[in-house]
Every structure is written in structure tokens, then in C-alpha cells.
Amino acid sequence: MPDRFPVFRNTFFIGFAWAVCIVSLPIGIAGAQKAAASPTTAPTTQAAGATDRSTLAVPIDQQTFDASQHLLGDPFGQRQGLADHGVTIEPLLIVDYSKNFMGGINTRSDNFWEEFDFPLEIDTEKLIGWHGGTFAAVYQLRHGQNPSRELTGDVQNYSFETGGFVYIPPRNDDRAELGQLWYQQKFLNDQFRLRGGKLDGSADFDALDNCQSFLNDSFRTIPTLGLLPEFPDTATAIQLFFEPPGGFYAGGAAFDGSGARGIHTGEYGPRYFFRHPDDLFYICEIGQRYDLAVDGRMLPGRIAFGGWHDTNSFELVNGDGRVVGTSGSYMLFDQLLWRRVRQGPLSASPVGLNRNERGAEETYPGDIALSVSLGWADPLANRVDGNALAGITWTGMDPARPIDQLGFGATYAHFGHDAITLYNYELAIELFYRVRFTPSISLEPDLQYIIHPSGSGTYVLNQFDRHNALAATLRLEISF
């Protein structure tokens, strides 16, 4: 359903977020240093905007609730008590301020956007003794306009999470919806997991482990995969994954594909999934997770390949007729390049042990990670028929701030010949520094230089040549 109270929520959330940030900062800085001694954990439900996913974290199905990662902590022990019984509630607030300083389509205005996610997850084994079951729901509120459409005109959506479905005409971006509602069951020694309901496709497919703090939307979902149902237009689906011991995995899903016909599936339940069984979006992915032994340290990595097909009828990019069905493929690569290791005394050292003696290695937060992605799509029905991106992040560059993160990356979108753009590519170069005041509060200044936004227009429409854009975003993120 559409948002009925955008002005009120806009004022309230922004004011509340900044007030909470200012009040909690002195206490939180000390807490951040204490919590930094252990990897960040996160819920298995991927709410939009969740940005703590990394190869340093424990496997997603083993992640547990950690009160130190949330602003409200564990008041009176009730929150931990619920988590011990399988019920976790982890709200998340994101507020963005964006400004385009040169080029693009608008340098006079600025842009505010905010999102509030309220995820609930239930582990049925802890709650009622039913092994392998998980129930999840995420209610999502969003207000504000897409800054790419308002300021820069780029096709890749330079502000993470604000992108809409690329085939749907511009509309009001305000949303208040039940973005996810699903049940998952594991079976056969937990090597298989079957999930059905309203899903976000980017939670399990085309998901780079180490790029979740980049704001450009291509680091979340490559532009050749614009048909994938994801926030804000999640969709009814059923998916199955095979994950045996050893790091190999394979999975596939069938989604309601009516988004290609202009349906905003995020605002609906399963009605279109069953009403039009012939318009489906299929996707599959296989991959291998591994550990590289370098100088006695284990550096995790992953390589994966995926393919997709949409059964809808699409207008050809050149406007000369239609085609039934369109397909594409992609490749993912994640690798931890370096991990900080500190030598310290043995935890059980006897009294009087020489303080200069070295004991067992202890791993502390601090790493450099690389992510690479390649994508291809059928040029007959997709304006962007190719994409390549790479991003590198450095967590804990300053040992005094072990959970801050620096990131640099670039994403390239290629336009097919039939798109007849002035230029055949768009290139976005991004630099950010995420300041983690506490594990639950972060402030992220982000700068992007966008070359040939949207190919700078087309010959057919006689669009003007947009100059290269320089856009900045300041993101406040609070995990409650």
C-alpha cells in the first residue's frame, strides 16, 4: 500500500536519528572498541540496507543475536531472552543526504531519502523444538526520491537501496509494505534448504560478500540483472539450495515475474504469482567457498557463476517488435587479501611468564578484501548488455578505529548497439569512508564520479549530452 504519511515520517525519523546519534555517541565509542574484538554478527534475514555482511563473519546459518551490535542493547535481559527462544527483532534505520556538484541533470537541488526496516525472525527449533525451520518477516517504510533520477541521471543508481525496477516508469518512491514474508525448512542433514514466500532475490543471488558498504546499486545487484525481484519490489518465490560440507553450494529459484509487466510486486502478495504462471523469473547459482593458506593464515574466498531467464514478452530495445523471453549470466569473485594478526601471550599463561614470550596467534578485526563481478544480458531486450565491477575495502586501516571501513571501487555498464546512446558505456568511480562510532551507529561520506551518465542520452530522442557528474552522499545508519 502507498505511504500515507511521508511528511510526518520524514521529519520524525531524521530528527530522531540524529538525536539518538548525538546522545549515544560518548557511550558508544567506548563500546565500539570493546565489541571490536569479535566479528560482527547479523540476522539471517537480510533487511534492505544491511551492510555488515563479510567473509569475516560466521556462516549465515550460524549467525546469532549479539546485543552489543545494537543501539538498544539488551534492556532488562528481555531481548536476549527472546533470542534464546528463537525470536530476534533487529530494526534498522538509514538516512541519506545526496548532492550533485557538477554535470548530470541537476546541481541546484539536493535529495533526502530514508528507510526504516523492522525485521522479525523465528527459529522454530529454539521456539517449539521443530528442527530446521525459520520464519521471517520484514516490514519496510521508505520515503524520498531516487537521487539518480533527480540529480545525476545515471542508469546504475549511485545511491544504494534507492534504485527501482529499471523497466517501470518513474513514480513516487514512497513505500510502506511487508517486503519479506517467508518460511524456510532444512532437511537431509541440513544440506538442503527450501524457502518459499515473499523473497528478496538479492539476499541469495548475485550477492558479493565484501561490497555491502558501497552505495552504488551495482554493488548490490549488477545492472544486467535489473529484472531480479528485490527491494523495493520483492516478489513471491520458491527457492531450493544444496549446501553440503566443504563450501560448495548450488541453488535455484522461481520468482513472480510480473514486475516486467509494470506490476509493483513489493506492494502485493502472491496473487500475480498464481494469476499469471507463464510470466516467471528463473535464476540459479553455483559456487565454491574456500580458504587460502597464506603465511599460516586462512584467507576466505568464493567464486560463483549464475544464470537467469525471464519468460515475459519484451519490447525490443530498438523498438522494432517484441521478443518472448530474455536471459543473462554473471560471475562473482570474493577474496580476503590480508588479515591482521596480532601475537599475544597465551590466555592461560602461568604467573611470572616472561612478557616478551610469544604465544598463539590471535585474529583481530582488520582486513583488506577484494570483490569482482561480471555480467551479461541479451542485448535485444536489455539496454545494458554488459557490466564489470571491482571493489576493494580496508576494514581497520587505523588500528585505533578497528571497525571503520575505507572503500574504493568502479563499476562499468555497457550499452548494446540497439540502445543507440551517445556513448556506449557508463562508468562510476566510488570512494567512501564508513565511520563506525559504535557497532550500531555509522556515518558514511561517499563520493562518486560518474562518466557518461546513462550513456548521456540517445540519438533518437535528441537528448542533450549530460556532462560527467560528481555526486556526494552522507549516510547515517542505526541498528536498533
Protein backbone atom coordinates (compact mmCIF):
# COMPACT_ATOMS: atom_id res chain seq x y z
CA MET A 1 0.00 0.00 0.00
CA PRO A 2 1.24 3.56 -0.62
CA ASP A 3 2.74 5.61 2.16
CA ARG A 4 0.05 7.81 3.74
CA PHE A 5 2.25 9.95 6.00
CA PRO A 6 5.50 10.85 4.21
CA VAL A 7 5.97 14.36 5.64
CA PHE A 8 5.47 13.32 9.24
CA ARG A 9 7.71 10.31 8.99
CA ASN A 10 10.37 12.25 7.12
CA THR A 11 10.64 14.85 9.86
CA PHE A 12 10.32 12.39 12.73
CA PHE A 13 12.85 9.79 11.54
CA ILE A 14 15.54 12.27 10.56
CA GLY A 15 15.20 14.20 13.83
CA PHE A 16 15.08 11.03 15.91
CA ALA A 17 18.08 9.50 14.13
CA TRP A 18 20.32 12.49 14.69
CA ALA A 19 19.18 12.90 18.31
CA VAL A 20 19.94 9.26 19.06
CA CYS A 21 23.31 9.54 17.35
CA ILE A 22 24.36 12.58 19.37
CA VAL A 23 23.12 11.26 22.71
CA SER A 24 24.65 7.78 22.34
CA LEU A 25 27.97 8.77 20.81
CA PRO A 26 30.04 9.22 24.03
CA ILE A 27 28.92 5.87 25.42
CA GLY A 28 29.11 4.10 22.10
CA ILE A 29 32.71 4.96 21.25
CA ALA A 30 33.94 3.02 24.25
CA GLY A 31 31.60 0.18 23.42
CA ALA A 32 32.88 0.03 19.87
CA GLN A 33 36.41 -0.71 20.97
CA LYS A 34 35.21 -3.46 23.31
CA ALA A 35 33.00 -5.09 20.68
CA ALA A 36 35.71 -4.92 18.03
CA ALA A 37 37.45 -7.95 19.49
CA SER A 38 34.91 -10.26 17.86
CA PRO A 39 33.46 -10.45 14.32
CA THR A 40 30.18 -8.69 13.69
CA THR A 41 27.17 -10.95 13.61
CA ALA A 42 23.99 -10.26 11.71
CA PRO A 43 20.48 -11.72 11.38
CA THR A 44 19.84 -14.39 8.80
CA THR A 45 17.05 -12.21 7.45
CA GLN A 46 18.61 -9.71 5.05
CA ALA A 47 16.78 -6.47 5.60
CA ALA A 48 17.37 -3.84 2.97
CA GLY A 49 20.42 -1.82 3.80
CA ALA A 50 22.13 -4.45 5.92
CA THR A 51 25.79 -3.66 5.36
CA ASP A 52 27.77 -5.82 7.79
CA ARG A 53 27.99 -8.92 5.64
CA SER A 54 31.59 -10.05 5.11
CA THR A 55 33.71 -13.14 4.80
CA LEU A 56 34.99 -12.45 8.30
CA ALA A 57 31.58 -13.19 9.71
CA VAL A 58 30.44 -16.65 10.67
CA PRO A 59 28.34 -18.59 8.10
CA ILE A 60 24.92 -17.02 7.66
CA ASP A 61 23.03 -20.00 9.08
CA GLN A 62 25.16 -19.94 12.25
CA GLN A 63 24.80 -16.23 12.96
CA THR A 64 23.25 -15.38 16.30
CA PHE A 65 21.91 -12.35 18.11
CA ASP A 66 24.56 -10.11 19.67
CA ALA A 67 23.20 -7.28 21.83
CA SER A 68 26.45 -5.31 21.53
CA GLN A 69 25.72 -4.74 17.84
CA HIS A 70 22.52 -2.78 18.52
CA LEU A 71 21.81 0.65 19.94
CA LEU A 72 19.13 -0.52 22.38
CA GLY A 73 21.30 -3.40 23.57
CA ASP A 74 19.55 -5.87 25.84
CA PRO A 75 17.29 -3.93 28.25
CA PHE A 76 16.45 -5.99 31.33
CA GLY A 77 17.71 -9.10 29.54
CA GLN A 78 14.42 -9.45 27.68
CA ARG A 79 15.88 -9.18 24.20
CA GLN A 80 18.47 -11.85 24.82
CA GLY A 81 15.79 -13.97 26.42
CA LEU A 82 13.69 -13.76 23.26
CA ALA A 83 16.75 -14.60 21.13
CA ASP A 84 17.46 -17.63 23.30
CA HIS A 85 13.93 -18.79 22.47
CA GLY A 86 14.47 -18.20 18.77
CA VAL A 87 12.85 -14.77 18.33
CA THR A 88 15.02 -11.89 17.07
CA ILE A 89 13.91 -8.35 16.26
CA GLU A 90 16.57 -6.06 14.80
CA PRO A 91 15.23 -2.73 13.44
CA LEU A 92 17.40 -0.68 11.08
CA LEU A 93 17.22 3.00 10.09
CA ILE A 94 19.01 4.52 7.08
CA VAL A 95 19.00 8.24 6.26
CA ASP A 96 20.72 9.59 3.11
CA TYR A 97 21.51 13.14 2.06
CA SER A 98 22.74 13.48 -1.55
CA LYS A 99 24.05 16.40 -3.60
CA ASN A 100 25.31 16.59 -7.18
CA PHE A 101 28.08 19.17 -7.57
CA MET A 102 28.64 19.08 -11.33
CA GLY A 103 27.23 17.63 -14.54
CA GLY A 104 24.33 15.22 -14.54
CA ILE A 105 20.86 16.75 -14.77
CA ASN A 106 20.55 18.90 -11.63
CA THR A 107 23.16 20.68 -9.50
CA ARG A 108 20.76 23.15 -7.88
CA SER A 109 18.74 20.77 -5.70
CA ASP A 110 19.66 18.19 -3.08
CA ASN A 111 17.97 14.97 -2.05
CA PHE A 112 16.83 13.40 1.22
CA TRP A 113 15.83 9.75 1.49
CA GLU A 114 15.18 7.49 4.46
CA GLU A 115 14.24 3.88 5.12
CA PHE A 116 13.17 2.01 8.24
CA ASP A 117 13.20 -1.80 8.32
CA PHE A 118 11.55 -3.85 11.06
CA PRO A 119 12.64 -7.50 10.65
CA LEU A 120 11.33 -10.38 12.73
CA GLU A 121 12.88 -13.84 12.61
CA ILE A 122 11.83 -17.02 14.42
CA ASP A 123 13.94 -20.15 14.81
CA THR A 124 11.35 -22.92 15.16
CA GLU A 125 13.79 -25.34 16.82
CA LYS A 126 14.50 -22.95 19.68
CA LEU A 127 10.88 -21.89 19.99
CA ILE A 128 8.90 -25.14 19.60
CA GLY A 129 11.52 -27.84 19.01
CA TRP A 130 10.91 -28.11 15.24
CA HIS A 131 14.33 -28.70 13.69
CA GLY A 132 15.50 -26.74 10.65
CA GLY A 133 12.63 -24.27 10.39
CA THR A 134 12.90 -20.49 10.09
CA PHE A 135 10.11 -17.94 9.75
CA ALA A 136 10.92 -14.35 8.77
CA ALA A 137 9.06 -11.12 8.06
CA VAL A 138 10.39 -7.64 7.25
CA TYR A 139 8.15 -4.59 7.32
CA GLN A 140 9.69 -1.69 5.40
CA LEU A 141 8.99 2.03 5.30
CA ARG A 142 10.68 4.23 2.71
CA HIS A 143 10.37 7.89 1.82
CA GLY A 144 12.18 10.06 -0.70
CA GLN A 145 13.05 10.23 -4.37
CA ASN A 146 15.71 8.31 -6.26
CA PRO A 147 18.69 10.72 -6.44
CA SER A 148 19.86 9.19 -9.71
CA ARG A 149 16.60 10.16 -11.34
CA GLU A 150 16.51 13.57 -9.66
CA LEU A 151 20.17 14.65 -9.76
CA THR A 152 22.55 12.68 -11.97
CA GLY A 153 20.50 10.68 -14.49
CA ASP A 154 22.79 7.64 -14.30
CA VAL A 155 21.50 4.16 -15.10
CA GLN A 156 23.29 2.29 -12.30
CA ASN A 157 21.64 4.16 -9.39
CA TYR A 158 24.52 5.72 -7.49
CA SER A 159 22.76 5.57 -4.11
CA PHE A 160 22.43 2.03 -2.73
CA GLU A 161 18.88 0.80 -1.97
CA THR A 162 17.14 3.71 -3.70
CA GLY A 163 17.03 2.05 -7.10
CA GLY A 164 13.72 0.97 -8.54
CA PHE A 165 12.90 -1.62 -11.16
CA VAL A 166 14.58 -0.47 -14.36
CA TYR A 167 11.61 -1.36 -16.60
CA ILE A 168 8.99 0.51 -14.56
CA PRO A 169 8.37 4.20 -15.37
CA PRO A 170 9.28 6.80 -12.71
CA ARG A 171 6.82 7.07 -9.87
CA ASN A 172 6.60 8.23 -6.31
CA ASP A 173 9.21 6.26 -4.37
CA ASP A 174 7.37 6.29 -1.02
CA ARG A 175 6.64 2.79 0.26
CA ALA A 176 5.07 1.16 3.31
CA GLU A 177 4.97 -2.58 2.71
CA LEU A 178 5.59 -6.05 4.03
CA GLY A 179 8.76 -6.51 1.99
CA GLN A 180 9.54 -10.10 3.05
CA LEU A 181 7.43 -12.90 4.47
CA TRP A 182 8.76 -16.44 4.13
CA TYR A 183 9.32 -19.82 5.73
CA GLN A 184 12.46 -21.93 5.26
CA GLN A 185 12.93 -25.61 6.05
CA LYS A 186 16.20 -27.54 6.12
CA PHE A 187 16.26 -31.30 5.54
CA LEU A 188 18.54 -34.28 4.74
CA ASN A 189 21.14 -33.44 7.39
CA ASP A 190 20.61 -29.74 6.78
CA GLN A 191 22.27 -29.98 3.38
CA PHE A 192 19.13 -28.78 1.61
CA ARG A 193 17.10 -25.69 2.44
CA LEU A 194 13.74 -24.91 0.86
CA ARG A 195 12.36 -21.41 1.18
CA GLY A 196 9.01 -20.07 0.00
CA GLY A 197 7.05 -16.84 0.34
CA LYS A 198 7.77 -13.22 -0.47
CA LEU A 199 11.52 -13.01 -1.03
CA ASP A 200 14.28 -10.53 -1.88
CA GLY A 201 16.27 -12.11 -4.72
CA SER A 202 19.45 -10.20 -3.87
CA ALA A 203 19.68 -11.96 -0.48
CA ASP A 204 20.87 -15.22 -2.05
CA PHE A 205 21.76 -14.47 -5.67
CA ASP A 206 24.39 -12.14 -7.13
CA ALA A 207 25.45 -11.16 -3.60
CA LEU A 208 29.06 -10.05 -3.16
CA ASP A 209 30.26 -10.69 0.38
CA ASN A 210 32.64 -7.77 0.82
CA CYS A 211 30.96 -4.88 -1.03
CA GLN A 212 27.92 -4.18 1.12
CA SER A 213 29.15 -0.76 2.25
CA PHE A 214 29.41 0.61 -1.29
CA LEU A 215 26.46 2.84 -2.13
CA ASN A 216 26.29 2.39 -5.90
CA ASP A 217 23.47 -0.05 -6.54
CA SER A 218 25.57 -2.13 -8.95
CA PHE A 219 27.49 -3.48 -5.95
CA ARG A 220 24.19 -4.84 -4.67
CA THR A 221 22.76 -6.13 -7.97
CA ILE A 222 24.51 -5.75 -11.31
CA PRO A 223 22.61 -3.65 -13.89
CA THR A 224 22.29 -6.58 -16.31
CA LEU A 225 20.15 -8.25 -13.62
CA GLY A 226 17.58 -5.47 -13.42
CA LEU A 227 14.74 -8.00 -13.72
CA LEU A 228 15.66 -9.71 -10.44
CA PRO A 229 12.88 -9.08 -7.88
CA GLU A 230 14.45 -7.20 -4.97
CA PHE A 231 13.72 -4.35 -2.59
CA PRO A 232 11.56 -2.36 -3.01
CA ASP A 233 9.82 -4.75 -5.40
CA THR A 234 10.35 -8.12 -3.78
CA ALA A 235 8.13 -10.91 -5.06
CA THR A 236 6.57 -14.28 -4.27
CA ALA A 237 9.01 -17.11 -4.97
CA ILE A 238 10.16 -20.60 -4.10
CA GLN A 239 13.86 -21.47 -3.94
CA LEU A 240 15.97 -24.52 -3.14
CA PHE A 241 19.65 -24.62 -2.15
CA PHE A 242 22.04 -27.55 -1.78
CA GLU A 243 24.89 -26.80 0.64
CA PRO A 244 26.95 -29.89 1.56
CA PRO A 245 30.07 -29.69 3.76
CA GLY A 246 33.16 -28.39 2.02
CA GLY A 247 32.00 -24.99 0.82
CA PHE A 248 30.23 -25.98 -2.41
CA TYR A 249 26.68 -24.72 -2.94
CA ALA A 250 24.07 -24.71 -5.68
CA GLY A 251 20.67 -23.10 -5.71
CA GLY A 252 17.80 -22.01 -7.90
CA ALA A 253 14.56 -20.09 -7.61
CA ALA A 254 11.38 -19.26 -9.49
CA PHE A 255 10.02 -15.73 -8.83
CA ASP A 256 6.83 -13.97 -9.78
CA GLY A 257 7.98 -12.16 -12.93
CA SER A 258 5.04 -9.78 -13.30
CA GLY A 259 7.32 -6.86 -12.44
CA ALA A 260 8.38 -6.92 -16.09
CA ARG A 261 4.78 -6.00 -16.96
CA GLY A 262 4.80 -2.95 -14.71
CA ILE A 263 3.39 -4.57 -11.53
CA HIS A 264 4.93 -3.24 -8.30
CA THR A 265 5.19 -6.69 -6.73
CA GLY A 266 6.55 -5.32 -3.46
CA GLU A 267 3.10 -3.97 -2.66
CA TYR A 268 1.31 -7.27 -3.31
CA GLY A 269 1.23 -10.83 -2.06
CA PRO A 270 1.12 -13.99 -4.20
CA ARG A 271 -1.86 -13.01 -6.38
CA TYR A 272 0.19 -12.37 -9.53
CA PHE A 273 2.39 -15.41 -8.94
CA PHE A 274 -0.66 -17.66 -9.31
CA ARG A 275 -2.67 -15.47 -11.70
CA HIS A 276 -0.01 -15.45 -14.42
CA PRO A 277 2.05 -18.64 -14.07
CA ASP A 278 3.53 -18.05 -17.52
CA ASP A 279 5.44 -14.88 -16.53
CA LEU A 280 8.18 -16.15 -14.24
CA PHE A 281 11.73 -15.15 -13.47
CA TYR A 282 14.13 -18.09 -13.05
CA ILE A 283 17.62 -17.85 -11.58
CA CYS A 284 20.27 -20.34 -10.48
CA GLU A 285 23.76 -20.04 -8.99
CA ILE A 286 26.59 -22.45 -8.15
CA GLY A 287 29.66 -21.55 -6.17
CA GLN A 288 32.55 -22.69 -4.04
CA ARG A 289 33.76 -21.16 -0.79
CA TYR A 290 37.33 -21.89 0.23
CA ASP A 291 40.20 -20.82 2.47
CA LEU A 292 43.63 -19.89 1.16
CA ALA A 293 46.55 -20.63 3.47
CA VAL A 294 48.97 -17.67 3.29
CA ASP A 295 51.82 -17.44 5.79
CA GLY A 296 49.90 -19.65 8.16
CA ARG A 297 46.74 -17.55 7.94
CA MET A 298 43.47 -18.67 6.40
CA LEU A 299 42.04 -16.15 3.94
CA PRO A 300 38.43 -16.98 2.91
CA GLY A 301 37.24 -16.56 -0.66
CA ARG A 302 34.49 -17.54 -3.05
CA ILE A 303 33.86 -17.94 -6.77
CA ALA A 304 30.37 -18.34 -8.22
CA PHE A 305 28.52 -18.46 -11.53
CA GLY A 306 24.86 -17.74 -12.17
CA GLY A 307 22.30 -17.62 -14.95
CA TRP A 308 18.75 -16.29 -15.28
CA HIS A 309 15.79 -16.27 -17.66
CA ASP A 310 12.58 -14.22 -17.72
CA THR A 311 9.63 -15.69 -19.65
CA ASN A 312 7.78 -12.43 -20.29
CA SER A 313 7.35 -10.71 -23.63
CA PHE A 314 9.64 -7.69 -24.03
CA GLU A 315 9.76 -4.82 -26.47
CA LEU A 316 13.00 -4.85 -28.42
CA VAL A 317 15.47 -2.16 -27.40
CA ASN A 318 15.37 -0.69 -30.90
CA GLY A 319 11.56 -0.52 -30.76
CA ASP A 320 11.12 -2.78 -33.78
CA GLY A 321 8.82 -5.52 -32.43
CA ARG A 322 8.86 -7.77 -29.39
CA VAL A 323 10.66 -10.89 -28.20
CA VAL A 324 9.43 -13.62 -25.84
CA GLY A 325 11.89 -14.27 -23.04
CA THR A 326 15.29 -12.81 -22.21
CA SER A 327 18.32 -14.26 -20.43
CA GLY A 328 21.66 -13.42 -18.90
CA SER A 329 24.53 -14.71 -16.79
CA TYR A 330 27.04 -13.46 -14.22
CA MET A 331 30.21 -14.35 -12.33
CA LEU A 332 31.23 -13.41 -8.76
CA PHE A 333 34.60 -13.45 -7.04
CA ASP A 334 35.35 -12.56 -3.41
CA GLN A 335 38.74 -12.85 -1.77
CA LEU A 336 40.18 -11.69 1.53
CA LEU A 337 43.65 -10.42 0.61
CA TRP A 338 45.04 -9.64 4.05
CA ARG A 339 44.02 -10.14 7.63
CA ARG A 340 45.51 -8.51 10.67
CA VAL A 341 47.01 -10.99 13.09
CA ARG A 342 48.46 -9.94 16.43
CA GLN A 343 50.74 -12.06 18.55
CA GLY A 344 49.81 -12.08 22.20
CA PRO A 345 50.56 -14.01 25.40
CA LEU A 346 48.79 -17.30 25.90
CA SER A 347 45.44 -16.81 27.62
CA ALA A 348 46.36 -19.45 30.22
CA SER A 349 49.91 -18.20 30.82
CA PRO A 350 51.29 -19.05 34.27
CA VAL A 351 52.05 -16.22 36.65
CA GLY A 352 55.53 -14.82 36.12
CA LEU A 353 55.79 -15.79 32.42
CA ASN A 354 58.21 -13.54 30.54
CA ARG A 355 56.06 -10.83 28.94
CA ASN A 356 58.23 -10.94 25.80
CA GLU A 357 57.36 -14.55 25.10
CA ARG A 358 55.00 -15.03 22.16
CA GLY A 359 52.00 -17.27 22.41
CA ALA A 360 49.31 -18.39 19.99
CA GLU A 361 48.14 -16.18 17.15
CA GLU A 362 45.02 -14.17 17.77
CA THR A 363 42.99 -12.70 14.91
CA TYR A 364 41.65 -9.17 15.34
CA PRO A 365 39.30 -7.10 13.16
CA GLY A 366 41.25 -5.64 10.27
CA ASP A 367 41.27 -6.89 6.71
CA ILE A 368 41.62 -5.97 3.05
CA ALA A 369 39.10 -7.66 0.76
CA LEU A 370 38.53 -7.68 -3.00
CA SER A 371 35.29 -8.30 -4.88
CA VAL A 372 34.84 -8.64 -8.64
CA SER A 373 31.71 -9.20 -10.71
CA LEU A 374 30.97 -9.66 -14.42
CA GLY A 375 27.53 -9.72 -16.04
CA TRP A 376 25.95 -10.24 -19.46
CA ALA A 377 22.39 -9.86 -20.72
CA ASP A 378 20.63 -10.39 -24.03
CA PRO A 379 21.11 -7.07 -25.92
CA LEU A 380 17.83 -7.46 -27.82
CA ALA A 381 15.72 -6.73 -24.72
CA ASN A 382 18.21 -5.11 -22.32
CA ARG A 383 19.74 -1.64 -22.79
CA VAL A 384 22.63 -2.61 -20.51
CA ASP A 385 24.04 -5.80 -22.00
CA GLY A 386 27.31 -5.98 -20.05
CA ASN A 387 28.75 -4.99 -16.70
CA ALA A 388 32.08 -5.28 -14.92
CA LEU A 389 32.89 -4.03 -11.44
CA ALA A 390 35.58 -4.31 -8.82
CA GLY A 391 35.75 -3.04 -5.27
CA ILE A 392 38.34 -3.18 -2.53
CA THR A 393 37.67 -2.48 1.15
CA TRP A 394 40.01 -1.98 4.08
CA THR A 395 38.49 -2.52 7.49
CA GLY A 396 40.52 -1.18 10.41
CA MET A 397 43.00 0.84 8.37
CA ASP A 398 43.67 2.80 11.56
CA PRO A 399 44.25 0.31 14.42
CA ALA A 400 42.79 2.89 16.79
CA ARG A 401 39.50 2.58 14.87
CA PRO A 402 39.31 -1.17 14.16
CA ILE A 403 35.78 -1.29 12.73
CA ASP A 404 35.88 1.73 10.42
CA GLN A 405 35.98 0.89 6.72
CA LEU A 406 37.56 2.51 3.67
CA GLY A 407 36.39 1.50 0.21
CA PHE A 408 37.31 2.22 -3.41
CA GLY A 409 35.68 0.72 -6.47
CA ALA A 410 34.44 1.20 -10.01
CA THR A 411 31.51 -0.19 -11.95
CA TYR A 412 31.19 -0.19 -15.74
CA ALA A 413 27.89 -0.59 -17.62
CA HIS A 414 27.96 -1.26 -21.36
CA PHE A 415 25.03 -0.26 -23.59
CA GLY A 416 24.14 -2.50 -26.52
CA HIS A 417 24.29 -1.29 -30.11
CA ASP A 418 20.50 -1.05 -30.36
CA ALA A 419 20.39 1.30 -27.35
CA ILE A 420 21.88 3.95 -29.71
CA THR A 421 23.28 6.00 -26.84
CA LEU A 422 25.69 8.87 -27.44
CA TYR A 423 28.34 6.81 -25.67
CA ASN A 424 28.36 3.04 -25.34
CA TYR A 425 29.17 2.94 -21.63
CA GLU A 426 28.71 4.49 -18.20
CA LEU A 427 31.47 4.34 -15.60
CA ALA A 428 31.03 5.15 -11.90
CA ILE A 429 34.09 5.50 -9.64
CA GLU A 430 33.35 5.44 -5.91
CA LEU A 431 35.27 6.30 -2.74
CA PHE A 432 33.84 6.08 0.79
CA TYR A 433 34.88 6.02 4.42
CA ARG A 434 32.44 4.46 6.86
CA VAL A 435 32.89 5.81 10.38
CA ARG A 436 31.64 3.26 12.91
CA PHE A 437 31.02 5.32 16.05
CA THR A 438 29.72 2.12 17.62
CA PRO A 439 28.81 -1.28 16.15
CA SER A 440 25.26 0.08 15.86
CA ILE A 441 25.83 3.64 14.56
CA SER A 442 27.74 4.59 11.45
CA LEU A 443 28.15 7.70 9.33
CA GLU A 444 29.40 7.22 5.78
CA PRO A 445 30.58 10.04 3.48
CA ASP A 446 30.57 8.75 -0.11
CA LEU A 447 31.85 10.40 -3.31
CA GLN A 448 31.20 9.17 -6.85
CA TYR A 449 32.40 10.42 -10.23
CA ILE A 450 30.06 9.25 -12.99
CA ILE A 451 31.30 9.28 -16.58
CA HIS A 452 28.65 9.42 -19.36
CA PRO A 453 25.53 9.09 -17.13
CA SER A 454 23.10 6.72 -18.93
CA GLY A 455 25.30 6.88 -21.99
CA SER A 456 24.48 10.64 -21.88
CA GLY A 457 21.22 10.23 -23.77
CA THR A 458 20.30 8.80 -27.16
CA TYR A 459 20.42 9.94 -30.77
CA VAL A 460 16.78 9.04 -31.43
CA LEU A 461 15.36 11.21 -28.63
CA ASN A 462 17.83 14.03 -29.35
CA GLN A 463 18.73 14.15 -25.66
CA PHE A 464 21.42 16.59 -24.63
CA ASP A 465 24.87 15.31 -23.75
CA ARG A 466 24.95 15.21 -19.95
CA HIS A 467 28.31 16.17 -18.56
CA ASN A 468 30.14 13.84 -16.20
CA ALA A 469 28.67 14.07 -12.69
CA LEU A 470 30.31 14.41 -9.28
CA ALA A 471 27.84 13.29 -6.60
CA ALA A 472 28.23 13.03 -2.84
CA THR A 473 26.11 11.20 -0.29
CA LEU A 474 26.18 11.24 3.50
CA ARG A 475 24.58 8.14 5.01
CA LEU A 476 23.54 7.68 8.62
CA GLU A 477 22.80 4.10 9.64
CA ILE A 478 21.48 2.98 13.02
CA SER A 479 20.82 -0.62 14.05
CA PHE A 480 18.41 -0.69 16.98
